[in-house]
Amino acid sequence: MRKPGPPPPDPLACLFERFGGEILGLLIRLTHGDRSEAEDLTQETFVAAFQGQAKFSGRVPVRAWLAGIAVRRWRDRQRRPRPKSVPLALDPPSEERTDQSVTQRVVLEQALAQLSDSQQAAILLVLVRGLTYREAADALGEPEGTIKWRVSEASKRLRTILTEFDIEEKP
């Protein structure tokens, strides 16, 4: 008679353990640093992924599939009317952060906010999260050429905005 082994791992927990931090990071960027909203959206993303796992064809990498769900959840949230809120406190800056780096981050966040939702999603998936154009296209349900164009246009727009604020690009 075989001894029962440990219970099989929870598939949702495995997905979350492997990709949770990356999806949270993407959503923090998309929500312009609103960690609470990003955490809510991350939970919604993984619940939706678990509920929709039968629809996952394996045609795209799991990472791109989850990023697509996350971006769609974020877009849905953007469409809903939101009550106006006032941030209660900012994270205290560490000693390593200089005034200049804080200023640059604020300017960059403001510049990203001036992009369309579709440009923000494309540039964050490709340039920040490191997805390929194909993976980002699959995640967003758009043609690869459209993603390339959005990233290109968003990059040009960001360069223009950042030049106005005299923020230099880092190599």
N, C-alpha and C. Protein backbone atom coordinates (compact mmCIF):
# COMPACT_ATOMS: atom_id res chain seq x y z
N MET A 1 0.85 -1.17 0.00
CA MET A 1 0.00 0.00 0.00
C MET A 1 0.89 1.24 0.00
N ARG A 2 0.57 2.18 -0.87
CA ARG A 2 1.37 3.41 -0.96
C ARG A 2 0.94 4.40 0.10
N LYS A 3 1.94 5.08 0.62
CA LYS A 3 1.64 6.15 1.57
C LYS A 3 1.22 7.38 0.76
N PRO A 4 0.20 8.03 1.26
CA PRO A 4 -0.20 9.24 0.53
C PRO A 4 0.90 10.30 0.64
N GLY A 5 1.21 10.89 -0.49
CA GLY A 5 2.24 11.93 -0.51
C GLY A 5 1.63 13.28 -0.16
N PRO A 6 2.42 14.29 -0.30
CA PRO A 6 1.89 15.62 -0.02
C PRO A 6 0.81 15.96 -1.05
N PRO A 7 -0.12 16.81 -0.66
CA PRO A 7 -1.17 17.17 -1.60
C PRO A 7 -0.55 17.89 -2.81
N PRO A 8 -1.19 17.75 -3.96
CA PRO A 8 -0.65 18.44 -5.14
C PRO A 8 -0.66 19.95 -4.92
N PRO A 9 0.30 20.64 -5.49
CA PRO A 9 0.35 22.09 -5.29
C PRO A 9 -0.86 22.78 -5.93
N ASP A 10 -1.28 23.83 -5.31
CA ASP A 10 -2.39 24.62 -5.81
C ASP A 10 -1.92 25.35 -7.08
N PRO A 11 -2.59 25.12 -8.22
CA PRO A 11 -2.13 25.74 -9.47
C PRO A 11 -2.13 27.27 -9.41
N LEU A 12 -3.13 27.85 -8.75
CA LEU A 12 -3.17 29.31 -8.65
C LEU A 12 -1.99 29.81 -7.82
N ALA A 13 -1.68 29.11 -6.74
CA ALA A 13 -0.55 29.52 -5.90
C ALA A 13 0.76 29.41 -6.68
N CYS A 14 0.89 28.36 -7.48
CA CYS A 14 2.10 28.20 -8.30
C CYS A 14 2.24 29.34 -9.31
N LEU A 15 1.14 29.67 -9.98
CA LEU A 15 1.16 30.78 -10.94
C LEU A 15 1.54 32.08 -10.25
N PHE A 16 0.90 32.30 -9.10
CA PHE A 16 1.16 33.54 -8.38
C PHE A 16 2.61 33.61 -7.90
N GLU A 17 3.11 32.50 -7.39
CA GLU A 17 4.48 32.48 -6.89
C GLU A 17 5.47 32.79 -8.00
N ARG A 18 5.21 32.26 -9.18
CA ARG A 18 6.15 32.45 -10.29
C ARG A 18 6.04 33.81 -10.95
N PHE A 19 4.81 34.33 -11.12
CA PHE A 19 4.61 35.54 -11.90
C PHE A 19 4.01 36.71 -11.12
N GLY A 20 3.66 36.50 -9.85
CA GLY A 20 2.98 37.54 -9.08
C GLY A 20 3.75 38.84 -8.98
N GLY A 21 5.03 38.76 -8.69
CA GLY A 21 5.85 39.97 -8.55
C GLY A 21 5.94 40.75 -9.85
N GLU A 22 6.09 40.04 -10.94
CA GLU A 22 6.20 40.70 -12.24
C GLU A 22 4.89 41.39 -12.63
N ILE A 23 3.77 40.71 -12.41
CA ILE A 23 2.47 41.30 -12.74
C ILE A 23 2.20 42.49 -11.82
N LEU A 24 2.52 42.36 -10.54
CA LEU A 24 2.35 43.49 -9.61
C LEU A 24 3.18 44.68 -10.07
N GLY A 25 4.42 44.45 -10.45
CA GLY A 25 5.28 45.53 -10.92
C GLY A 25 4.71 46.22 -12.14
N LEU A 26 4.19 45.44 -13.08
CA LEU A 26 3.55 46.01 -14.27
C LEU A 26 2.38 46.88 -13.88
N LEU A 27 1.55 46.38 -12.98
CA LEU A 27 0.35 47.12 -12.58
C LEU A 27 0.69 48.35 -11.73
N ILE A 28 1.75 48.29 -10.96
CA ILE A 28 2.18 49.48 -10.22
C ILE A 28 2.54 50.58 -11.22
N ARG A 29 3.23 50.22 -12.28
CA ARG A 29 3.57 51.20 -13.31
C ARG A 29 2.32 51.74 -13.98
N LEU A 30 1.40 50.84 -14.36
CA LEU A 30 0.19 51.27 -15.05
C LEU A 30 -0.69 52.16 -14.18
N THR A 31 -0.67 51.92 -12.87
CA THR A 31 -1.50 52.72 -11.96
C THR A 31 -0.73 53.92 -11.41
N HIS A 32 0.43 54.18 -12.00
CA HIS A 32 1.27 55.33 -11.61
C HIS A 32 1.63 55.30 -10.13
N GLY A 33 2.00 54.11 -9.67
CA GLY A 33 2.51 53.98 -8.32
C GLY A 33 1.47 53.71 -7.25
N ASP A 34 0.21 53.54 -7.63
CA ASP A 34 -0.83 53.27 -6.64
C ASP A 34 -0.77 51.78 -6.27
N ARG A 35 0.01 51.49 -5.25
CA ARG A 35 0.26 50.09 -4.87
C ARG A 35 -1.02 49.37 -4.46
N SER A 36 -1.89 50.03 -3.75
CA SER A 36 -3.13 49.40 -3.31
C SER A 36 -3.97 48.97 -4.51
N GLU A 37 -4.13 49.87 -5.46
CA GLU A 37 -4.90 49.53 -6.66
C GLU A 37 -4.20 48.42 -7.45
N ALA A 38 -2.88 48.50 -7.54
CA ALA A 38 -2.11 47.49 -8.26
C ALA A 38 -2.27 46.12 -7.60
N GLU A 39 -2.27 46.08 -6.28
CA GLU A 39 -2.45 44.81 -5.57
C GLU A 39 -3.84 44.23 -5.83
N ASP A 40 -4.86 45.11 -5.81
CA ASP A 40 -6.22 44.65 -6.12
C ASP A 40 -6.29 44.08 -7.53
N LEU A 41 -5.70 44.80 -8.48
CA LEU A 41 -5.71 44.34 -9.87
C LEU A 41 -4.91 43.05 -10.05
N THR A 42 -3.85 42.90 -9.29
CA THR A 42 -3.06 41.67 -9.35
C THR A 42 -3.91 40.48 -8.89
N GLN A 43 -4.63 40.67 -7.80
CA GLN A 43 -5.52 39.60 -7.33
C GLN A 43 -6.57 39.27 -8.39
N GLU A 44 -7.19 40.30 -8.95
CA GLU A 44 -8.20 40.09 -9.99
C GLU A 44 -7.61 39.35 -11.19
N THR A 45 -6.38 39.70 -11.53
CA THR A 45 -5.71 39.07 -12.67
C THR A 45 -5.55 37.57 -12.44
N PHE A 46 -5.08 37.19 -11.28
CA PHE A 46 -4.85 35.77 -11.02
C PHE A 46 -6.14 34.99 -10.82
N VAL A 47 -7.15 35.63 -10.26
CA VAL A 47 -8.45 34.96 -10.16
C VAL A 47 -9.01 34.74 -11.56
N ALA A 48 -8.93 35.77 -12.41
CA ALA A 48 -9.41 35.64 -13.79
C ALA A 48 -8.62 34.58 -14.55
N ALA A 49 -7.33 34.52 -14.31
CA ALA A 49 -6.49 33.51 -14.98
C ALA A 49 -6.91 32.11 -14.54
N PHE A 50 -7.16 31.94 -13.26
CA PHE A 50 -7.56 30.63 -12.75
C PHE A 50 -8.93 30.24 -13.32
N GLN A 51 -9.86 31.21 -13.35
CA GLN A 51 -11.19 30.93 -13.87
C GLN A 51 -11.17 30.68 -15.38
N GLY A 52 -10.24 31.32 -16.07
CA GLY A 52 -10.17 31.19 -17.52
C GLY A 52 -9.10 30.25 -18.01
N GLN A 53 -8.57 29.41 -17.12
CA GLN A 53 -7.46 28.54 -17.53
C GLN A 53 -7.84 27.59 -18.66
N ALA A 54 -9.11 27.24 -18.78
CA ALA A 54 -9.53 26.35 -19.87
C ALA A 54 -9.37 27.04 -21.22
N LYS A 55 -9.40 28.37 -21.22
CA LYS A 55 -9.26 29.14 -22.47
C LYS A 55 -7.80 29.31 -22.87
N PHE A 56 -6.88 29.00 -21.98
CA PHE A 56 -5.46 29.16 -22.28
C PHE A 56 -5.04 28.07 -23.26
N SER A 57 -4.63 28.50 -24.44
CA SER A 57 -4.31 27.54 -25.51
C SER A 57 -2.85 27.10 -25.50
N GLY A 58 -2.01 27.84 -24.81
CA GLY A 58 -0.59 27.53 -24.84
C GLY A 58 0.11 28.12 -26.05
N ARG A 59 -0.64 28.84 -26.88
CA ARG A 59 -0.07 29.47 -28.08
C ARG A 59 0.89 30.59 -27.72
N VAL A 60 0.64 31.24 -26.60
CA VAL A 60 1.51 32.32 -26.12
C VAL A 60 2.11 31.90 -24.78
N PRO A 61 3.24 32.47 -24.41
CA PRO A 61 3.81 32.15 -23.10
C PRO A 61 2.86 32.57 -21.97
N VAL A 62 2.90 31.84 -20.88
CA VAL A 62 2.05 32.14 -19.72
C VAL A 62 2.25 33.58 -19.28
N ARG A 63 3.49 34.03 -19.29
CA ARG A 63 3.83 35.40 -18.88
C ARG A 63 3.06 36.43 -19.71
N ALA A 64 3.01 36.24 -21.03
CA ALA A 64 2.29 37.17 -21.91
C ALA A 64 0.79 37.06 -21.69
N TRP A 65 0.29 35.84 -21.48
CA TRP A 65 -1.13 35.64 -21.22
C TRP A 65 -1.55 36.38 -19.95
N LEU A 66 -0.77 36.24 -18.89
CA LEU A 66 -1.08 36.94 -17.63
C LEU A 66 -0.97 38.45 -17.79
N ALA A 67 0.03 38.92 -18.51
CA ALA A 67 0.18 40.36 -18.73
C ALA A 67 -1.03 40.90 -19.49
N GLY A 68 -1.52 40.14 -20.44
CA GLY A 68 -2.72 40.56 -21.19
C GLY A 68 -3.94 40.67 -20.29
N ILE A 69 -4.12 39.69 -19.42
CA ILE A 69 -5.23 39.74 -18.47
C ILE A 69 -5.08 40.96 -17.57
N ALA A 70 -3.86 41.20 -17.09
CA ALA A 70 -3.61 42.34 -16.19
C ALA A 70 -3.92 43.66 -16.88
N VAL A 71 -3.48 43.81 -18.11
CA VAL A 71 -3.72 45.07 -18.83
C VAL A 71 -5.21 45.24 -19.09
N ARG A 72 -5.91 44.16 -19.45
CA ARG A 72 -7.37 44.28 -19.66
C ARG A 72 -8.09 44.65 -18.36
N ARG A 73 -7.68 44.07 -17.24
CA ARG A 73 -8.27 44.43 -15.94
C ARG A 73 -8.02 45.91 -15.64
N TRP A 74 -6.80 46.36 -15.91
CA TRP A 74 -6.46 47.77 -15.67
C TRP A 74 -7.31 48.67 -16.56
N ARG A 75 -7.45 48.31 -17.84
CA ARG A 75 -8.27 49.12 -18.76
C ARG A 75 -9.72 49.18 -18.29
N ASP A 76 -10.25 48.03 -17.85
CA ASP A 76 -11.62 48.01 -17.33
C ASP A 76 -11.76 48.96 -16.15
N ARG A 77 -10.78 48.95 -15.28
CA ARG A 77 -10.81 49.82 -14.10
C ARG A 77 -10.73 51.28 -14.53
N GLN A 78 -9.97 51.59 -15.57
CA GLN A 78 -9.84 52.96 -16.06
C GLN A 78 -11.18 53.50 -16.56
N ARG A 79 -12.01 52.62 -17.08
CA ARG A 79 -13.30 53.03 -17.65
C ARG A 79 -14.34 53.33 -16.58
N ARG A 80 -14.16 52.74 -15.41
CA ARG A 80 -15.12 52.95 -14.32
C ARG A 80 -14.92 54.33 -13.70
N PRO A 81 -16.02 55.00 -13.37
CA PRO A 81 -15.85 56.27 -12.65
C PRO A 81 -15.28 55.99 -11.26
N ARG A 82 -14.31 56.79 -10.89
CA ARG A 82 -13.66 56.60 -9.59
C ARG A 82 -13.90 57.81 -8.70
N PRO A 83 -14.12 57.57 -7.42
CA PRO A 83 -14.22 58.71 -6.51
C PRO A 83 -12.87 59.40 -6.42
N LYS A 84 -12.91 60.70 -6.27
CA LYS A 84 -11.66 61.44 -6.12
C LYS A 84 -11.06 61.12 -4.77
N SER A 85 -9.77 60.88 -4.78
CA SER A 85 -9.09 60.58 -3.53
C SER A 85 -7.85 61.44 -3.41
N VAL A 86 -7.47 61.63 -2.19
CA VAL A 86 -6.27 62.41 -1.90
C VAL A 86 -5.27 61.47 -1.26
N PRO A 87 -4.06 61.38 -1.82
CA PRO A 87 -3.08 60.50 -1.18
C PRO A 87 -2.79 60.95 0.23
N LEU A 88 -2.76 60.01 1.17
CA LEU A 88 -2.54 60.36 2.56
C LEU A 88 -1.07 60.61 2.87
N ALA A 89 -0.21 59.83 2.27
CA ALA A 89 1.22 60.00 2.55
C ALA A 89 2.03 59.40 1.42
N LEU A 90 3.20 59.92 1.24
CA LEU A 90 4.13 59.36 0.27
C LEU A 90 5.09 58.45 1.00
N ASP A 91 5.62 57.48 0.28
CA ASP A 91 6.66 56.65 0.88
C ASP A 91 7.83 57.55 1.24
N PRO A 92 8.36 57.42 2.44
CA PRO A 92 9.51 58.26 2.79
C PRO A 92 10.70 57.89 1.91
N PRO A 93 11.36 58.89 1.34
CA PRO A 93 12.50 58.59 0.48
C PRO A 93 13.66 58.02 1.29
N SER A 94 14.37 57.08 0.70
CA SER A 94 15.53 56.52 1.37
C SER A 94 16.67 57.52 1.26
N GLU A 95 17.69 57.31 2.07
CA GLU A 95 18.83 58.23 2.03
C GLU A 95 19.56 58.17 0.70
N GLU A 96 19.44 57.01 0.01
CA GLU A 96 20.14 56.85 -1.26
C GLU A 96 19.51 57.70 -2.36
N ARG A 97 18.23 57.98 -2.23
CA ARG A 97 17.56 58.77 -3.25
C ARG A 97 17.97 60.23 -3.13
N THR A 98 18.32 60.78 -4.22
CA THR A 98 18.64 62.21 -4.22
C THR A 98 17.41 62.97 -4.68
N ASP A 99 17.43 64.27 -4.44
CA ASP A 99 16.32 65.10 -4.91
C ASP A 99 16.18 64.99 -6.42
N GLN A 100 17.30 64.90 -7.11
CA GLN A 100 17.27 64.82 -8.56
C GLN A 100 16.60 63.52 -9.03
N SER A 101 16.92 62.40 -8.40
CA SER A 101 16.33 61.14 -8.84
C SER A 101 14.83 61.11 -8.54
N VAL A 102 14.43 61.69 -7.43
CA VAL A 102 13.00 61.78 -7.10
C VAL A 102 12.30 62.65 -8.13
N THR A 103 12.90 63.78 -8.47
CA THR A 103 12.33 64.68 -9.47
C THR A 103 12.22 63.97 -10.81
N GLN A 104 13.27 63.25 -11.20
CA GLN A 104 13.24 62.55 -12.48
C GLN A 104 12.14 61.50 -12.50
N ARG A 105 11.97 60.80 -11.41
CA ARG A 105 10.92 59.78 -11.35
C ARG A 105 9.53 60.41 -11.46
N VAL A 106 9.33 61.52 -10.77
CA VAL A 106 8.04 62.20 -10.83
C VAL A 106 7.77 62.69 -12.25
N VAL A 107 8.78 63.27 -12.87
CA VAL A 107 8.62 63.76 -14.24
C VAL A 107 8.33 62.60 -15.19
N LEU A 108 9.03 61.49 -15.02
CA LEU A 108 8.79 60.33 -15.87
C LEU A 108 7.37 59.80 -15.68
N GLU A 109 6.91 59.72 -14.45
CA GLU A 109 5.54 59.26 -14.20
C GLU A 109 4.53 60.22 -14.84
N GLN A 110 4.78 61.52 -14.75
CA GLN A 110 3.89 62.50 -15.38
C GLN A 110 3.93 62.36 -16.90
N ALA A 111 5.11 62.11 -17.44
CA ALA A 111 5.24 61.94 -18.89
C ALA A 111 4.48 60.69 -19.34
N LEU A 112 4.62 59.60 -18.60
CA LEU A 112 3.89 58.37 -18.95
C LEU A 112 2.38 58.60 -18.89
N ALA A 113 1.94 59.40 -17.93
CA ALA A 113 0.51 59.67 -17.79
C ALA A 113 -0.04 60.44 -18.98
N GLN A 114 0.82 61.12 -19.73
CA GLN A 114 0.37 61.87 -20.90
C GLN A 114 0.19 60.99 -22.13
N LEU A 115 0.65 59.75 -22.06
CA LEU A 115 0.46 58.81 -23.17
C LEU A 115 -0.93 58.21 -23.10
N SER A 116 -1.41 57.73 -24.23
CA SER A 116 -2.70 57.03 -24.23
C SER A 116 -2.55 55.72 -23.46
N ASP A 117 -3.67 55.17 -23.02
CA ASP A 117 -3.63 53.90 -22.30
C ASP A 117 -2.94 52.82 -23.13
N SER A 118 -3.24 52.78 -24.42
CA SER A 118 -2.66 51.74 -25.27
C SER A 118 -1.16 51.94 -25.44
N GLN A 119 -0.70 53.19 -25.50
CA GLN A 119 0.74 53.45 -25.59
C GLN A 119 1.43 53.09 -24.27
N GLN A 120 0.81 53.45 -23.15
CA GLN A 120 1.38 53.11 -21.84
C GLN A 120 1.54 51.60 -21.71
N ALA A 121 0.49 50.87 -22.05
CA ALA A 121 0.54 49.42 -21.92
C ALA A 121 1.64 48.83 -22.80
N ALA A 122 1.73 49.29 -24.04
CA ALA A 122 2.73 48.75 -24.97
C ALA A 122 4.15 49.04 -24.49
N ILE A 123 4.40 50.28 -24.11
CA ILE A 123 5.77 50.65 -23.72
C ILE A 123 6.17 49.98 -22.41
N LEU A 124 5.24 49.83 -21.49
CA LEU A 124 5.56 49.18 -20.22
C LEU A 124 5.82 47.69 -20.41
N LEU A 125 5.03 47.04 -21.27
CA LEU A 125 5.25 45.62 -21.50
C LEU A 125 6.58 45.36 -22.21
N VAL A 126 6.88 46.18 -23.22
CA VAL A 126 8.08 45.92 -24.03
C VAL A 126 9.34 46.48 -23.37
N LEU A 127 9.33 47.75 -23.00
CA LEU A 127 10.56 48.38 -22.52
C LEU A 127 10.82 48.18 -21.03
N VAL A 128 9.78 48.09 -20.25
CA VAL A 128 9.97 47.95 -18.80
C VAL A 128 9.94 46.48 -18.38
N ARG A 129 8.96 45.73 -18.84
CA ARG A 129 8.82 44.32 -18.44
C ARG A 129 9.62 43.38 -19.33
N GLY A 130 10.09 43.84 -20.47
CA GLY A 130 10.97 43.03 -21.30
C GLY A 130 10.29 41.98 -22.17
N LEU A 131 8.98 42.11 -22.39
CA LEU A 131 8.32 41.18 -23.30
C LEU A 131 8.77 41.50 -24.72
N THR A 132 8.77 40.49 -25.58
CA THR A 132 9.06 40.74 -26.99
C THR A 132 7.84 41.44 -27.59
N TYR A 133 8.03 42.01 -28.78
CA TYR A 133 6.89 42.64 -29.45
C TYR A 133 5.79 41.60 -29.68
N ARG A 134 6.16 40.39 -30.05
CA ARG A 134 5.19 39.32 -30.30
C ARG A 134 4.43 38.99 -29.02
N GLU A 135 5.15 38.85 -27.90
CA GLU A 135 4.49 38.54 -26.62
C GLU A 135 3.56 39.67 -26.20
N ALA A 136 4.00 40.91 -26.37
CA ALA A 136 3.16 42.06 -26.02
C ALA A 136 1.93 42.10 -26.92
N ALA A 137 2.12 41.81 -28.20
CA ALA A 137 0.99 41.79 -29.14
C ALA A 137 -0.03 40.72 -28.73
N ASP A 138 0.47 39.54 -28.38
CA ASP A 138 -0.42 38.48 -27.93
C ASP A 138 -1.13 38.86 -26.63
N ALA A 139 -0.39 39.47 -25.72
CA ALA A 139 -0.97 39.87 -24.43
C ALA A 139 -2.07 40.90 -24.61
N LEU A 140 -1.87 41.82 -25.54
CA LEU A 140 -2.83 42.91 -25.73
C LEU A 140 -3.86 42.60 -26.81
N GLY A 141 -3.70 41.48 -27.50
CA GLY A 141 -4.65 41.13 -28.55
C GLY A 141 -4.57 42.05 -29.75
N GLU A 142 -3.39 42.52 -30.05
CA GLU A 142 -3.16 43.46 -31.16
C GLU A 142 -2.13 42.86 -32.12
N PRO A 143 -2.10 43.35 -33.38
CA PRO A 143 -1.05 42.90 -34.29
C PRO A 143 0.33 43.38 -33.81
N GLU A 144 1.35 42.61 -34.11
CA GLU A 144 2.71 42.95 -33.69
C GLU A 144 3.13 44.31 -34.24
N GLY A 145 2.77 44.61 -35.48
CA GLY A 145 3.11 45.90 -36.08
C GLY A 145 2.51 47.07 -35.32
N THR A 146 1.31 46.89 -34.80
CA THR A 146 0.66 47.94 -34.02
C THR A 146 1.44 48.20 -32.73
N ILE A 147 1.90 47.14 -32.10
CA ILE A 147 2.67 47.29 -30.86
C ILE A 147 3.98 48.01 -31.15
N LYS A 148 4.66 47.63 -32.23
CA LYS A 148 5.91 48.30 -32.61
C LYS A 148 5.66 49.78 -32.84
N TRP A 149 4.57 50.10 -33.53
CA TRP A 149 4.25 51.50 -33.81
C TRP A 149 3.96 52.25 -32.50
N ARG A 150 3.17 51.64 -31.62
CA ARG A 150 2.83 52.31 -30.35
C ARG A 150 4.07 52.56 -29.51
N VAL A 151 4.96 51.58 -29.45
CA VAL A 151 6.20 51.76 -28.68
C VAL A 151 7.04 52.87 -29.30
N SER A 152 7.13 52.89 -30.62
CA SER A 152 7.91 53.92 -31.31
C SER A 152 7.32 55.31 -31.06
N GLU A 153 6.02 55.43 -31.24
CA GLU A 153 5.36 56.73 -31.03
C GLU A 153 5.45 57.17 -29.57
N ALA A 154 5.26 56.24 -28.65
CA ALA A 154 5.34 56.57 -27.23
C ALA A 154 6.76 57.00 -26.87
N SER A 155 7.75 56.32 -27.44
CA SER A 155 9.16 56.69 -27.17
C SER A 155 9.46 58.10 -27.66
N LYS A 156 8.98 58.41 -28.86
CA LYS A 156 9.19 59.77 -29.40
C LYS A 156 8.53 60.80 -28.50
N ARG A 157 7.29 60.51 -28.10
CA ARG A 157 6.55 61.45 -27.25
C ARG A 157 7.25 61.62 -25.91
N LEU A 158 7.71 60.54 -25.32
CA LEU A 158 8.42 60.62 -24.04
C LEU A 158 9.71 61.42 -24.19
N ARG A 159 10.43 61.19 -25.28
CA ARG A 159 11.67 61.95 -25.51
C ARG A 159 11.38 63.45 -25.56
N THR A 160 10.31 63.82 -26.28
CA THR A 160 9.94 65.23 -26.38
C THR A 160 9.59 65.80 -25.02
N ILE A 161 8.76 65.09 -24.29
CA ILE A 161 8.33 65.56 -22.97
C ILE A 161 9.53 65.68 -22.03
N LEU A 162 10.37 64.66 -22.00
CA LEU A 162 11.51 64.66 -21.09
C LEU A 162 12.54 65.71 -21.47
N THR A 163 12.66 66.01 -22.76
CA THR A 163 13.56 67.07 -23.20
C THR A 163 13.07 68.42 -22.67
N GLU A 164 11.76 68.61 -22.67
CA GLU A 164 11.19 69.84 -22.13
C GLU A 164 11.55 70.02 -20.66
N PHE A 165 11.65 68.93 -19.94
CA PHE A 165 12.00 68.97 -18.52
C PHE A 165 13.49 68.83 -18.29
N ASP A 166 14.25 68.75 -19.38
CA ASP A 166 15.71 68.64 -19.32
C ASP A 166 16.15 67.39 -18.56
N ILE A 167 15.44 66.29 -18.82
CA ILE A 167 15.80 65.00 -18.23
C ILE A 167 16.54 64.22 -19.30
N GLU A 168 17.77 63.82 -18.99
CA GLU A 168 18.58 63.10 -19.96
C GLU A 168 18.27 61.61 -19.89
N GLU A 169 18.34 60.97 -21.08
CA GLU A 169 18.19 59.52 -21.12
C GLU A 169 19.46 58.87 -20.63
N LYS A 170 19.30 57.78 -19.93
CA LYS A 170 20.46 57.01 -19.46
C LYS A 170 20.78 55.95 -20.50
N PRO A 171 22.07 55.71 -20.80
CA PRO A 171 22.40 54.69 -21.80
C PRO A 171 22.05 53.29 -21.33
